[in-house]
Amino acid sequence: MKEQILSEPVKAKLNSLIGEELKAMYTYVYAANWCQNAGYLKAYDFFLKESGEEKEHSEALQKYILDLGCTPELHQIEAPEFEFETLTDVIYAAYDMEVSLGEQYSEFASEVVSVDAITLTKIQDFIKIQTESIGFYGDICSVSQGLSNNKFEQLMLEKALVK
C-alpha cells in the first residue's frame, strides 16, 4: 500500500472539488437536454461535450488523489435546479458556474500555497482551465447583450456559442 502523502484537510478539499466538477457535469447534461428539447441542436452537442470535459476534470482529481496514496471519496450530487427560458439563460448559468469553480480553485490555492507545493501545482492547472472557461463564457455573455428572447436571435447566439 502506498504512503498517504495528502493531509486530511487537503484531501477533503480535493474530494469537495471532485463533487463540484461532477455537479458541473450534471449541470451541462441538464443544459444539453434543455437545448435539445428547445431546438438548439448544435448547443445540445456543445453542452454534452462540456459535460464530458467536467467528467475528465473530476477523473484527473481522483487520479491525483490516488497517485498520492489516498482514496477519493465521492459525494452525493444533487440534480440541477434551473429554470431556463432561453439559450441566454443557459449561457449565463454556465458562466456563473465556471466563475464559482474558479473562485473555489483560487481559494484552495491560497490555502495550500505554503503547505503543499505539489497540490498547488496541480490546482494551478485547474485555475488555468477555469480562467479560459470564464473568458469564453464571458465573451458569449457579451454577445448575448441586447438580444431578445425570439428564436431567431437566440439561434444567432447559438451560432456564436458553437462556432
N, C-alpha and C. Protein backbone atom coordinates (compact mmCIF):
# COMPACT_ATOMS: atom_id res chain seq x y z
N MET A 1 0.84 -1.19 0.00
CA MET A 1 0.00 0.00 0.00
C MET A 1 0.89 1.25 0.00
N LYS A 2 0.50 2.23 -0.79
CA LYS A 2 1.26 3.48 -0.88
C LYS A 2 1.15 4.29 0.41
N GLU A 3 2.19 5.06 0.65
CA GLU A 3 2.14 6.01 1.76
C GLU A 3 1.17 7.13 1.39
N GLN A 4 0.35 7.54 2.34
CA GLN A 4 -0.59 8.64 2.10
C GLN A 4 0.14 9.96 2.28
N ILE A 5 0.26 10.69 1.17
CA ILE A 5 1.03 11.93 1.18
C ILE A 5 0.16 13.14 1.49
N LEU A 6 -1.11 13.08 1.15
CA LEU A 6 -2.00 14.23 1.35
C LEU A 6 -2.43 14.34 2.81
N SER A 7 -2.48 15.58 3.30
CA SER A 7 -3.04 15.81 4.63
C SER A 7 -4.56 15.65 4.54
N GLU A 8 -5.18 15.41 5.65
CA GLU A 8 -6.64 15.24 5.67
C GLU A 8 -7.39 16.48 5.17
N PRO A 9 -6.99 17.70 5.59
CA PRO A 9 -7.71 18.88 5.06
C PRO A 9 -7.56 19.04 3.54
N VAL A 10 -6.39 18.75 3.00
CA VAL A 10 -6.17 18.87 1.56
C VAL A 10 -6.99 17.80 0.84
N LYS A 11 -6.95 16.59 1.36
CA LYS A 11 -7.73 15.51 0.75
C LYS A 11 -9.22 15.83 0.79
N ALA A 12 -9.71 16.38 1.89
CA ALA A 12 -11.13 16.73 2.00
C ALA A 12 -11.52 17.79 0.97
N LYS A 13 -10.66 18.79 0.78
CA LYS A 13 -10.96 19.84 -0.19
C LYS A 13 -10.92 19.30 -1.61
N LEU A 14 -9.96 18.43 -1.89
CA LEU A 14 -9.91 17.82 -3.22
C LEU A 14 -11.16 16.99 -3.49
N ASN A 15 -11.62 16.25 -2.48
CA ASN A 15 -12.86 15.48 -2.63
C ASN A 15 -14.05 16.40 -2.88
N SER A 16 -14.06 17.53 -2.21
CA SER A 16 -15.13 18.51 -2.43
C SER A 16 -15.09 19.04 -3.86
N LEU A 17 -13.89 19.29 -4.37
CA LEU A 17 -13.74 19.79 -5.75
C LEU A 17 -14.15 18.73 -6.77
N ILE A 18 -13.90 17.47 -6.45
CA ILE A 18 -14.39 16.39 -7.32
C ILE A 18 -15.90 16.48 -7.41
N GLY A 19 -16.55 16.68 -6.27
CA GLY A 19 -18.01 16.84 -6.25
C GLY A 19 -18.47 18.03 -7.06
N GLU A 20 -17.73 19.13 -7.00
CA GLU A 20 -18.09 20.32 -7.77
C GLU A 20 -17.95 20.07 -9.27
N GLU A 21 -16.92 19.34 -9.66
CA GLU A 21 -16.74 19.00 -11.08
C GLU A 21 -17.86 18.08 -11.56
N LEU A 22 -18.26 17.12 -10.73
CA LEU A 22 -19.36 16.24 -11.10
C LEU A 22 -20.69 17.00 -11.14
N LYS A 23 -20.84 17.95 -10.25
CA LYS A 23 -22.03 18.81 -10.28
C LYS A 23 -22.06 19.62 -11.58
N ALA A 24 -20.91 20.11 -12.01
CA ALA A 24 -20.82 20.84 -13.28
C ALA A 24 -21.15 19.90 -14.44
N MET A 25 -20.69 18.67 -14.36
CA MET A 25 -21.01 17.69 -15.39
C MET A 25 -22.52 17.50 -15.49
N TYR A 26 -23.18 17.33 -14.36
CA TYR A 26 -24.64 17.19 -14.33
C TYR A 26 -25.33 18.43 -14.90
N THR A 27 -24.81 19.59 -14.53
CA THR A 27 -25.41 20.84 -14.99
C THR A 27 -25.33 20.95 -16.52
N TYR A 28 -24.19 20.57 -17.08
CA TYR A 28 -24.05 20.62 -18.53
C TYR A 28 -24.92 19.58 -19.24
N VAL A 29 -25.12 18.42 -18.63
CA VAL A 29 -26.05 17.44 -19.21
C VAL A 29 -27.46 18.01 -19.18
N TYR A 30 -27.82 18.63 -18.07
CA TYR A 30 -29.13 19.26 -17.96
C TYR A 30 -29.31 20.35 -19.01
N ALA A 31 -28.27 21.17 -19.18
CA ALA A 31 -28.31 22.24 -20.19
C ALA A 31 -28.44 21.64 -21.59
N ALA A 32 -27.69 20.59 -21.86
CA ALA A 32 -27.76 19.94 -23.17
C ALA A 32 -29.17 19.42 -23.44
N ASN A 33 -29.74 18.77 -22.45
CA ASN A 33 -31.09 18.24 -22.61
C ASN A 33 -32.11 19.35 -22.85
N TRP A 34 -31.96 20.45 -22.12
CA TRP A 34 -32.87 21.58 -22.33
C TRP A 34 -32.70 22.10 -23.76
N CYS A 35 -31.45 22.23 -24.21
CA CYS A 35 -31.19 22.74 -25.56
C CYS A 35 -31.81 21.83 -26.62
N GLN A 36 -31.66 20.54 -26.46
CA GLN A 36 -32.24 19.60 -27.42
C GLN A 36 -33.75 19.77 -27.48
N ASN A 37 -34.38 19.86 -26.34
CA ASN A 37 -35.83 19.99 -26.27
C ASN A 37 -36.30 21.33 -26.84
N ALA A 38 -35.48 22.37 -26.72
CA ALA A 38 -35.85 23.70 -27.20
C ALA A 38 -35.45 23.93 -28.66
N GLY A 39 -34.80 22.94 -29.27
CA GLY A 39 -34.45 23.05 -30.68
C GLY A 39 -33.10 23.67 -30.96
N TYR A 40 -32.25 23.76 -29.98
CA TYR A 40 -30.89 24.26 -30.17
C TYR A 40 -29.97 23.04 -30.29
N LEU A 41 -29.97 22.44 -31.46
CA LEU A 41 -29.33 21.15 -31.66
C LEU A 41 -27.80 21.22 -31.61
N LYS A 42 -27.23 22.31 -32.08
CA LYS A 42 -25.78 22.47 -32.00
C LYS A 42 -25.35 22.74 -30.55
N ALA A 43 -26.16 23.50 -29.84
CA ALA A 43 -25.86 23.76 -28.43
C ALA A 43 -25.96 22.46 -27.62
N TYR A 44 -26.89 21.60 -28.02
CA TYR A 44 -27.01 20.29 -27.36
C TYR A 44 -25.67 19.56 -27.43
N ASP A 45 -25.12 19.44 -28.63
CA ASP A 45 -23.83 18.76 -28.79
C ASP A 45 -22.72 19.48 -28.01
N PHE A 46 -22.74 20.81 -28.07
CA PHE A 46 -21.73 21.61 -27.38
C PHE A 46 -21.75 21.33 -25.87
N PHE A 47 -22.92 21.36 -25.26
CA PHE A 47 -23.00 21.18 -23.81
C PHE A 47 -22.75 19.73 -23.39
N LEU A 48 -23.06 18.77 -24.26
CA LEU A 48 -22.68 17.38 -23.95
C LEU A 48 -21.16 17.26 -23.91
N LYS A 49 -20.49 17.94 -24.83
CA LYS A 49 -19.02 17.93 -24.83
C LYS A 49 -18.49 18.60 -23.55
N GLU A 50 -19.10 19.70 -23.17
CA GLU A 50 -18.70 20.38 -21.93
C GLU A 50 -18.86 19.44 -20.74
N SER A 51 -19.95 18.69 -20.73
CA SER A 51 -20.19 17.73 -19.65
C SER A 51 -19.07 16.70 -19.59
N GLY A 52 -18.65 16.21 -20.74
CA GLY A 52 -17.56 15.25 -20.79
C GLY A 52 -16.25 15.82 -20.25
N GLU A 53 -16.02 17.09 -20.54
CA GLU A 53 -14.80 17.74 -20.04
C GLU A 53 -14.84 17.86 -18.52
N GLU A 54 -16.00 18.15 -17.96
CA GLU A 54 -16.12 18.24 -16.50
C GLU A 54 -15.88 16.87 -15.86
N LYS A 55 -16.36 15.83 -16.51
CA LYS A 55 -16.10 14.47 -16.03
C LYS A 55 -14.61 14.17 -16.04
N GLU A 56 -13.93 14.59 -17.10
CA GLU A 56 -12.48 14.40 -17.19
C GLU A 56 -11.76 15.16 -16.07
N HIS A 57 -12.24 16.35 -15.73
CA HIS A 57 -11.62 17.11 -14.63
C HIS A 57 -11.78 16.34 -13.32
N SER A 58 -12.97 15.80 -13.10
CA SER A 58 -13.21 15.01 -11.91
C SER A 58 -12.27 13.81 -11.85
N GLU A 59 -12.13 13.14 -12.98
CA GLU A 59 -11.25 11.96 -13.04
C GLU A 59 -9.79 12.33 -12.81
N ALA A 60 -9.38 13.49 -13.30
CA ALA A 60 -7.99 13.94 -13.09
C ALA A 60 -7.73 14.19 -11.60
N LEU A 61 -8.70 14.79 -10.91
CA LEU A 61 -8.54 15.00 -9.46
C LEU A 61 -8.53 13.67 -8.71
N GLN A 62 -9.40 12.75 -9.14
CA GLN A 62 -9.41 11.43 -8.49
C GLN A 62 -8.07 10.72 -8.68
N LYS A 63 -7.53 10.79 -9.90
CA LYS A 63 -6.25 10.14 -10.18
C LYS A 63 -5.14 10.78 -9.35
N TYR A 64 -5.19 12.09 -9.19
CA TYR A 64 -4.19 12.78 -8.38
C TYR A 64 -4.23 12.25 -6.93
N ILE A 65 -5.42 12.14 -6.38
CA ILE A 65 -5.57 11.64 -5.01
C ILE A 65 -5.02 10.21 -4.92
N LEU A 66 -5.38 9.39 -5.90
CA LEU A 66 -4.89 8.00 -5.92
C LEU A 66 -3.37 7.95 -6.03
N ASP A 67 -2.80 8.79 -6.89
CA ASP A 67 -1.35 8.80 -7.07
C ASP A 67 -0.62 9.16 -5.78
N LEU A 68 -1.28 9.91 -4.93
CA LEU A 68 -0.65 10.32 -3.66
C LEU A 68 -1.06 9.42 -2.49
N GLY A 69 -1.51 8.20 -2.83
CA GLY A 69 -1.71 7.18 -1.81
C GLY A 69 -3.02 7.22 -1.05
N CYS A 70 -3.96 7.98 -1.53
CA CYS A 70 -5.26 8.10 -0.84
C CYS A 70 -6.37 7.58 -1.76
N THR A 71 -7.54 7.44 -1.18
CA THR A 71 -8.71 7.01 -1.94
C THR A 71 -9.70 8.16 -2.02
N PRO A 72 -10.11 8.53 -3.24
CA PRO A 72 -11.10 9.61 -3.37
C PRO A 72 -12.44 9.19 -2.76
N GLU A 73 -13.13 10.17 -2.24
CA GLU A 73 -14.47 9.95 -1.71
C GLU A 73 -15.45 10.70 -2.61
N LEU A 74 -16.45 10.01 -3.08
CA LEU A 74 -17.43 10.64 -3.95
C LEU A 74 -18.62 11.10 -3.13
N HIS A 75 -18.99 12.34 -3.29
CA HIS A 75 -20.12 12.91 -2.58
C HIS A 75 -21.38 12.76 -3.42
N GLN A 76 -22.51 12.80 -2.76
CA GLN A 76 -23.78 12.74 -3.48
C GLN A 76 -23.95 14.03 -4.28
N ILE A 77 -24.39 13.86 -5.52
CA ILE A 77 -24.59 15.01 -6.40
C ILE A 77 -26.09 15.21 -6.58
N GLU A 78 -26.55 16.39 -6.26
CA GLU A 78 -27.97 16.70 -6.42
C GLU A 78 -28.25 17.10 -7.87
N ALA A 79 -29.47 16.83 -8.29
CA ALA A 79 -29.88 17.21 -9.64
C ALA A 79 -29.90 18.74 -9.76
N PRO A 80 -29.50 19.26 -10.90
CA PRO A 80 -29.52 20.72 -11.11
C PRO A 80 -30.94 21.26 -11.02
N GLU A 81 -31.05 22.46 -10.50
CA GLU A 81 -32.35 23.11 -10.38
C GLU A 81 -32.31 24.45 -11.10
N PHE A 82 -32.55 24.43 -12.37
CA PHE A 82 -32.56 25.64 -13.18
C PHE A 82 -33.89 25.77 -13.88
N GLU A 83 -34.26 26.98 -14.15
CA GLU A 83 -35.45 27.27 -14.95
C GLU A 83 -35.00 28.07 -16.16
N PHE A 84 -34.61 27.38 -17.22
CA PHE A 84 -34.17 28.05 -18.42
C PHE A 84 -35.38 28.40 -19.28
N GLU A 85 -35.37 29.62 -19.79
CA GLU A 85 -36.39 30.03 -20.76
C GLU A 85 -35.77 30.31 -22.12
N THR A 86 -34.48 30.64 -22.12
CA THR A 86 -33.78 30.97 -23.37
C THR A 86 -32.37 30.38 -23.33
N LEU A 87 -31.77 30.35 -24.49
CA LEU A 87 -30.37 29.93 -24.56
C LEU A 87 -29.49 30.90 -23.77
N THR A 88 -29.86 32.15 -23.76
CA THR A 88 -29.12 33.13 -22.96
C THR A 88 -29.09 32.71 -21.50
N ASP A 89 -30.21 32.22 -20.97
CA ASP A 89 -30.26 31.76 -19.58
C ASP A 89 -29.26 30.62 -19.34
N VAL A 90 -29.17 29.72 -20.29
CA VAL A 90 -28.24 28.59 -20.18
C VAL A 90 -26.80 29.10 -20.13
N ILE A 91 -26.49 30.03 -21.00
CA ILE A 91 -25.13 30.55 -21.08
C ILE A 91 -24.75 31.30 -19.80
N TYR A 92 -25.67 32.10 -19.27
CA TYR A 92 -25.37 32.80 -18.02
C TYR A 92 -25.21 31.83 -16.86
N ALA A 93 -25.97 30.76 -16.85
CA ALA A 93 -25.83 29.73 -15.81
C ALA A 93 -24.46 29.07 -15.90
N ALA A 94 -24.03 28.79 -17.12
CA ALA A 94 -22.70 28.20 -17.33
C ALA A 94 -21.61 29.17 -16.87
N TYR A 95 -21.75 30.42 -17.22
CA TYR A 95 -20.78 31.44 -16.80
C TYR A 95 -20.69 31.50 -15.27
N ASP A 96 -21.84 31.59 -14.61
CA ASP A 96 -21.86 31.66 -13.15
C ASP A 96 -21.20 30.43 -12.51
N MET A 97 -21.48 29.27 -13.09
CA MET A 97 -20.91 28.04 -12.55
C MET A 97 -19.39 28.02 -12.73
N GLU A 98 -18.92 28.44 -13.88
CA GLU A 98 -17.48 28.46 -14.12
C GLU A 98 -16.77 29.47 -13.22
N VAL A 99 -17.40 30.62 -12.99
CA VAL A 99 -16.83 31.61 -12.07
C VAL A 99 -16.74 31.02 -10.67
N SER A 100 -17.79 30.36 -10.22
CA SER A 100 -17.79 29.75 -8.89
C SER A 100 -16.69 28.71 -8.76
N LEU A 101 -16.54 27.86 -9.77
CA LEU A 101 -15.45 26.87 -9.74
C LEU A 101 -14.09 27.56 -9.70
N GLY A 102 -13.93 28.59 -10.50
CA GLY A 102 -12.67 29.33 -10.50
C GLY A 102 -12.35 29.91 -9.13
N GLU A 103 -13.35 30.47 -8.48
CA GLU A 103 -13.16 31.03 -7.14
C GLU A 103 -12.77 29.95 -6.14
N GLN A 104 -13.41 28.78 -6.25
CA GLN A 104 -13.09 27.68 -5.33
C GLN A 104 -11.65 27.20 -5.53
N TYR A 105 -11.22 27.07 -6.77
CA TYR A 105 -9.84 26.66 -7.02
C TYR A 105 -8.85 27.73 -6.54
N SER A 106 -9.16 28.99 -6.76
CA SER A 106 -8.28 30.07 -6.33
C SER A 106 -8.16 30.11 -4.81
N GLU A 107 -9.29 29.97 -4.12
CA GLU A 107 -9.26 29.95 -2.65
C GLU A 107 -8.43 28.78 -2.14
N PHE A 108 -8.61 27.63 -2.77
CA PHE A 108 -7.84 26.45 -2.36
C PHE A 108 -6.35 26.67 -2.59
N ALA A 109 -5.99 27.27 -3.72
CA ALA A 109 -4.58 27.57 -3.99
C ALA A 109 -4.00 28.46 -2.89
N SER A 110 -4.77 29.44 -2.44
CA SER A 110 -4.31 30.31 -1.37
C SER A 110 -4.08 29.54 -0.07
N GLU A 111 -4.92 28.54 0.15
CA GLU A 111 -4.79 27.73 1.37
C GLU A 111 -3.56 26.82 1.34
N VAL A 112 -3.21 26.28 0.17
CA VAL A 112 -2.13 25.30 0.10
C VAL A 112 -0.79 25.89 -0.31
N VAL A 113 -0.75 27.17 -0.63
CA VAL A 113 0.46 27.79 -1.18
C VAL A 113 1.68 27.55 -0.29
N SER A 114 1.53 27.56 1.01
CA SER A 114 2.70 27.40 1.88
C SER A 114 2.77 26.04 2.55
N VAL A 115 1.80 25.17 2.28
CA VAL A 115 1.81 23.87 2.97
C VAL A 115 1.90 22.66 2.06
N ASP A 116 1.61 22.81 0.77
CA ASP A 116 1.58 21.65 -0.13
C ASP A 116 1.85 22.10 -1.56
N ALA A 117 3.13 22.24 -1.89
CA ALA A 117 3.53 22.74 -3.21
C ALA A 117 3.10 21.79 -4.32
N ILE A 118 3.08 20.49 -4.06
CA ILE A 118 2.68 19.52 -5.09
C ILE A 118 1.21 19.76 -5.47
N THR A 119 0.36 19.88 -4.48
CA THR A 119 -1.06 20.11 -4.75
C THR A 119 -1.26 21.49 -5.38
N LEU A 120 -0.52 22.48 -4.93
CA LEU A 120 -0.62 23.82 -5.51
C LEU A 120 -0.37 23.76 -7.02
N THR A 121 0.63 23.02 -7.42
CA THR A 121 0.94 22.90 -8.84
C THR A 121 -0.22 22.29 -9.60
N LYS A 122 -0.84 21.26 -9.04
CA LYS A 122 -1.99 20.62 -9.69
C LYS A 122 -3.16 21.59 -9.78
N ILE A 123 -3.43 22.30 -8.71
CA ILE A 123 -4.56 23.23 -8.67
C ILE A 123 -4.34 24.39 -9.64
N GLN A 124 -3.11 24.80 -9.83
CA GLN A 124 -2.83 25.87 -10.80
C GLN A 124 -3.24 25.45 -12.21
N ASP A 125 -3.13 24.17 -12.52
CA ASP A 125 -3.61 23.68 -13.83
C ASP A 125 -5.11 23.91 -13.96
N PHE A 126 -5.83 23.66 -12.89
CA PHE A 126 -7.28 23.84 -12.92
C PHE A 126 -7.67 25.32 -12.93
N ILE A 127 -6.88 26.15 -12.29
CA ILE A 127 -7.14 27.60 -12.33
C ILE A 127 -7.01 28.09 -13.77
N LYS A 128 -6.03 27.58 -14.50
CA LYS A 128 -5.85 27.96 -15.91
C LYS A 128 -7.08 27.53 -16.72
N ILE A 129 -7.56 26.32 -16.50
CA ILE A 129 -8.75 25.82 -17.20
C ILE A 129 -9.94 26.72 -16.89
N GLN A 130 -10.13 27.06 -15.63
CA GLN A 130 -11.26 27.89 -15.24
C GLN A 130 -11.16 29.29 -15.82
N THR A 131 -9.96 29.84 -15.85
CA THR A 131 -9.76 31.18 -16.41
C THR A 131 -10.18 31.20 -17.88
N GLU A 132 -9.80 30.16 -18.62
CA GLU A 132 -10.18 30.08 -20.03
C GLU A 132 -11.69 29.93 -20.19
N SER A 133 -12.31 29.11 -19.34
CA SER A 133 -13.77 28.93 -19.41
C SER A 133 -14.51 30.21 -19.07
N ILE A 134 -14.05 30.90 -18.04
CA ILE A 134 -14.68 32.16 -17.63
C ILE A 134 -14.57 33.17 -18.77
N GLY A 135 -13.41 33.24 -19.39
CA GLY A 135 -13.22 34.16 -20.52
C GLY A 135 -14.14 33.83 -21.68
N PHE A 136 -14.23 32.54 -22.02
CA PHE A 136 -15.08 32.12 -23.13
C PHE A 136 -16.54 32.46 -22.85
N TYR A 137 -17.06 32.03 -21.70
CA TYR A 137 -18.47 32.29 -21.40
C TYR A 137 -18.74 33.77 -21.19
N GLY A 138 -17.77 34.50 -20.67
CA GLY A 138 -17.92 35.95 -20.55
C GLY A 138 -18.08 36.60 -21.91
N ASP A 139 -17.30 36.13 -22.88
CA ASP A 139 -17.42 36.66 -24.25
C ASP A 139 -18.80 36.36 -24.83
N ILE A 140 -19.29 35.15 -24.62
CA ILE A 140 -20.60 34.77 -25.15
C ILE A 140 -21.70 35.56 -24.44
N CYS A 141 -21.53 35.81 -23.15
CA CYS A 141 -22.50 36.67 -22.44
C CYS A 141 -22.53 38.06 -23.06
N SER A 142 -21.36 38.58 -23.42
CA SER A 142 -21.31 39.89 -24.08
C SER A 142 -22.04 39.88 -25.41
N VAL A 143 -21.88 38.79 -26.16
CA VAL A 143 -22.59 38.67 -27.44
C VAL A 143 -24.10 38.69 -27.21
N SER A 144 -24.53 38.10 -26.10
CA SER A 144 -25.98 37.99 -25.85
C SER A 144 -26.62 39.30 -25.40
N GLN A 145 -25.83 40.27 -25.00
CA GLN A 145 -26.40 41.52 -24.52
C GLN A 145 -27.19 42.20 -25.63
N GLY A 146 -28.39 42.58 -25.28
CA GLY A 146 -29.25 43.27 -26.23
C GLY A 146 -30.08 42.35 -27.11
N LEU A 147 -29.83 41.05 -27.03
CA LEU A 147 -30.64 40.13 -27.83
C LEU A 147 -32.00 39.92 -27.17
N SER A 148 -33.01 39.80 -27.98
CA SER A 148 -34.33 39.48 -27.43
C SER A 148 -34.44 37.97 -27.24
N ASN A 149 -35.58 37.55 -26.72
CA ASN A 149 -35.82 36.13 -26.50
C ASN A 149 -36.39 35.43 -27.72
N ASN A 150 -36.54 36.16 -28.85
CA ASN A 150 -37.14 35.49 -30.01
C ASN A 150 -36.18 34.43 -30.55
N LYS A 151 -36.74 33.42 -31.13
CA LYS A 151 -35.99 32.24 -31.55
C LYS A 151 -34.87 32.59 -32.54
N PHE A 152 -35.15 33.47 -33.47
CA PHE A 152 -34.12 33.83 -34.45
C PHE A 152 -32.88 34.40 -33.78
N GLU A 153 -33.06 35.34 -32.87
CA GLU A 153 -31.92 35.95 -32.20
C GLU A 153 -31.21 34.95 -31.29
N GLN A 154 -31.95 34.06 -30.68
CA GLN A 154 -31.34 33.03 -29.85
C GLN A 154 -30.55 32.02 -30.71
N LEU A 155 -31.04 31.74 -31.90
CA LEU A 155 -30.29 30.87 -32.82
C LEU A 155 -29.00 31.55 -33.29
N MET A 156 -29.03 32.85 -33.42
CA MET A 156 -27.80 33.58 -33.75
C MET A 156 -26.80 33.48 -32.60
N LEU A 157 -27.30 33.50 -31.38
CA LEU A 157 -26.45 33.33 -30.22
C LEU A 157 -25.84 31.92 -30.22
N GLU A 158 -26.65 30.94 -30.57
CA GLU A 158 -26.15 29.56 -30.66
C GLU A 158 -24.98 29.50 -31.64
N LYS A 159 -25.11 30.20 -32.73
CA LYS A 159 -24.05 30.21 -33.75
C LYS A 159 -22.76 30.76 -33.17
N ALA A 160 -22.84 31.79 -32.33
CA ALA A 160 -21.65 32.35 -31.69
C ALA A 160 -21.08 31.38 -30.65
N LEU A 161 -21.95 30.66 -29.99
CA LEU A 161 -21.53 29.69 -28.97
C LEU A 161 -20.76 28.54 -29.58
N VAL A 162 -21.23 28.06 -30.70
CA VAL A 162 -20.75 26.80 -31.27
C VAL A 162 -19.73 26.98 -32.38
N LYS A 163 -19.48 28.14 -32.87
CA LYS A 163 -18.54 28.43 -33.97
C LYS A 163 -18.18 27.22 -34.79
